[in-house]
Amino acid sequence: MRCLLLFCIAASIYFEKVIKTAGTKLTIWDRNFQLAFHSILLFVGMVAYETITTGKEPGGGWTWLSVAVAVLGALGGILVALSVI
């Protein structure tokens, strides 16, 4: 959990730095996509590590409610990104 918190803080600081850097020609949508792509890589790595170390199936132990909350969070992020355009 501490590792996840550290990554979230680091991503926020990086995003703020990139947005405030002068001379960049990327839009906020491009930056959101960059962050999402790196987050996907990070979480796929975490799931792979958990799968290898515990021997469980990927995503094992998730209830329908936890899947629904994860999907709603992802859709909410996409809606926020689209409203910025």
C-alpha atoms as a PDB file:
ATOM      1  CA  MET A   1       0.000   0.000   0.000  1.00  0.00           C
ATOM      2  CA  ARG A   2       2.869   2.354   0.779  1.00  0.00           C
ATOM      3  CA  CYS A   3       4.382   1.619  -2.610  1.00  0.00           C
ATOM      4  CA  LEU A   4       1.117   2.512  -4.348  1.00  0.00           C
ATOM      5  CA  LEU A   5       0.883   5.749  -2.379  1.00  0.00           C
ATOM      6  CA  LEU A   6       4.455   6.604  -3.334  1.00  0.00           C
ATOM      7  CA  PHE A   7       3.730   5.989  -7.029  1.00  0.00           C
ATOM      8  CA  CYS A   8       0.590   8.137  -6.882  1.00  0.00           C
ATOM      9  CA  ILE A   9       2.503  11.011  -5.312  1.00  0.00           C
ATOM     10  CA  ALA A  10       5.325  10.664  -7.829  1.00  0.00           C
ATOM     11  CA  ALA A  11       2.858  10.617 -10.743  1.00  0.00           C
ATOM     12  CA  SER A  12       1.136  13.753  -9.450  1.00  0.00           C
ATOM     13  CA  ILE A  13       4.423  15.598  -9.055  1.00  0.00           C
ATOM     14  CA  TYR A  14       5.602  14.489 -12.495  1.00  0.00           C
ATOM     15  CA  PHE A  15       2.311  15.500 -14.123  1.00  0.00           C
ATOM     16  CA  GLU A  16       2.438  18.931 -12.495  1.00  0.00           C
ATOM     17  CA  LYS A  17       6.051  19.409 -13.624  1.00  0.00           C
ATOM     18  CA  VAL A  18       5.273  18.411 -17.201  1.00  0.00           C
ATOM     19  CA  ILE A  19       2.212  20.659 -17.415  1.00  0.00           C
ATOM     20  CA  LYS A  20       4.127  23.675 -16.129  1.00  0.00           C
ATOM     21  CA  THR A  21       7.166  23.116 -18.353  1.00  0.00           C
ATOM     22  CA  ALA A  22       7.347  25.819 -20.984  1.00  0.00           C
ATOM     23  CA  GLY A  23       7.696  24.968 -24.641  1.00  0.00           C
ATOM     24  CA  THR A  24       5.670  21.754 -24.736  1.00  0.00           C
ATOM     25  CA  LYS A  25       3.138  21.404 -27.515  1.00  0.00           C
ATOM     26  CA  LEU A  26       1.094  18.518 -26.055  1.00  0.00           C
ATOM     27  CA  THR A  27      -2.468  18.949 -24.888  1.00  0.00           C
ATOM     28  CA  ILE A  28      -3.856  17.857 -21.537  1.00  0.00           C
ATOM     29  CA  TRP A  29      -5.450  14.894 -23.341  1.00  0.00           C
ATOM     30  CA  ASP A  30      -2.008  13.763 -24.519  1.00  0.00           C
ATOM     31  CA  ARG A  31      -0.644  14.054 -20.987  1.00  0.00           C
ATOM     32  CA  ASN A  32      -3.562  12.080 -19.564  1.00  0.00           C
ATOM     33  CA  PHE A  33      -2.925   9.355 -22.126  1.00  0.00           C
ATOM     34  CA  GLN A  34       0.763   9.255 -21.185  1.00  0.00           C
ATOM     35  CA  LEU A  35      -0.075   8.863 -17.501  1.00  0.00           C
ATOM     36  CA  ALA A  36      -2.683   6.205 -18.218  1.00  0.00           C
ATOM     37  CA  PHE A  37      -0.270   4.214 -20.371  1.00  0.00           C
ATOM     38  CA  HIS A  38       2.428   4.242 -17.713  1.00  0.00           C
ATOM     39  CA  SER A  39      -0.118   3.338 -15.040  1.00  0.00           C
ATOM     40  CA  ILE A  40      -1.285   0.364 -17.078  1.00  0.00           C
ATOM     41  CA  LEU A  41       2.299  -0.872 -17.394  1.00  0.00           C
ATOM     42  CA  LEU A  42       2.809  -0.452 -13.652  1.00  0.00           C
ATOM     43  CA  PHE A  43      -0.355  -2.295 -12.667  1.00  0.00           C
ATOM     44  CA  VAL A  44       0.173  -5.110 -15.164  1.00  0.00           C
ATOM     45  CA  GLY A  45       3.584  -5.602 -13.603  1.00  0.00           C
ATOM     46  CA  MET A  46       2.049  -5.649 -10.118  1.00  0.00           C
ATOM     47  CA  VAL A  47      -0.553  -8.233 -11.159  1.00  0.00           C
ATOM     48  CA  ALA A  48       2.122 -10.380 -12.813  1.00  0.00           C
ATOM     49  CA  TYR A  49       4.275 -10.238  -9.677  1.00  0.00           C
ATOM     50  CA  GLU A  50       1.347 -11.185  -7.453  1.00  0.00           C
ATOM     51  CA  THR A  51       0.407 -14.021  -9.800  1.00  0.00           C
ATOM     52  CA  ILE A  52       3.939 -15.423  -9.800  1.00  0.00           C
ATOM     53  CA  THR A  53       4.536 -15.121  -6.059  1.00  0.00           C
ATOM     54  CA  THR A  54       1.154 -16.377  -4.820  1.00  0.00           C
ATOM     55  CA  GLY A  55       0.249 -18.809  -7.593  1.00  0.00           C
ATOM     56  CA  LYS A  56      -3.273 -17.386  -7.864  1.00  0.00           C
ATOM     57  CA  GLU A  57      -5.012 -16.619 -11.111  1.00  0.00           C
ATOM     58  CA  PRO A  58      -4.640 -13.030 -12.321  1.00  0.00           C
ATOM     59  CA  GLY A  59      -7.356 -11.006 -10.638  1.00  0.00           C
ATOM     60  CA  GLY A  60      -8.209 -13.891  -8.328  1.00  0.00           C
ATOM     61  CA  GLY A  61     -10.091 -12.869  -5.225  1.00  0.00           C
ATOM     62  CA  TRP A  62     -11.942  -9.979  -6.853  1.00  0.00           C
ATOM     63  CA  THR A  63     -15.661  -9.844  -6.146  1.00  0.00           C
ATOM     64  CA  TRP A  64     -18.180  -8.444  -8.592  1.00  0.00           C
ATOM     65  CA  LEU A  65     -18.353  -5.312  -6.429  1.00  0.00           C
ATOM     66  CA  SER A  66     -14.607  -4.657  -6.573  1.00  0.00           C
ATOM     67  CA  VAL A  67     -14.645  -5.111 -10.353  1.00  0.00           C
ATOM     68  CA  ALA A  68     -17.595  -2.710 -10.636  1.00  0.00           C
ATOM     69  CA  VAL A  69     -15.808  -0.075  -8.529  1.00  0.00           C
ATOM     70  CA  ALA A  70     -12.639  -0.415 -10.625  1.00  0.00           C
ATOM     71  CA  VAL A  71     -14.619  -0.053 -13.866  1.00  0.00           C
ATOM     72  CA  LEU A  72     -16.516   2.979 -12.543  1.00  0.00           C
ATOM     73  CA  GLY A  73     -13.239   4.601 -11.496  1.00  0.00           C
ATOM     74  CA  ALA A  74     -11.753   4.035 -14.938  1.00  0.00           C
ATOM     75  CA  LEU A  75     -14.844   5.366 -16.704  1.00  0.00           C
ATOM     76  CA  GLY A  76     -14.904   8.381 -14.399  1.00  0.00           C
ATOM     77  CA  GLY A  77     -11.312   9.186 -15.319  1.00  0.00           C
ATOM     78  CA  ILE A  78     -12.085   8.921 -19.003  1.00  0.00           C
ATOM     79  CA  LEU A  79     -15.138  11.192 -18.637  1.00  0.00           C
ATOM     80  CA  VAL A  80     -13.070  13.801 -16.808  1.00  0.00           C
ATOM     81  CA  ALA A  81     -10.406  13.660 -19.515  1.00  0.00           C
ATOM     82  CA  LEU A  82     -13.045  14.060 -22.229  1.00  0.00           C
ATOM     83  CA  SER A  83     -14.629  17.038 -20.465  1.00  0.00           C
ATOM     84  CA  VAL A  84     -11.291  18.868 -20.557  1.00  0.00           C
ATOM     85  CA  ILE A  85     -11.098  18.734 -24.353  1.00  0.00           C
END
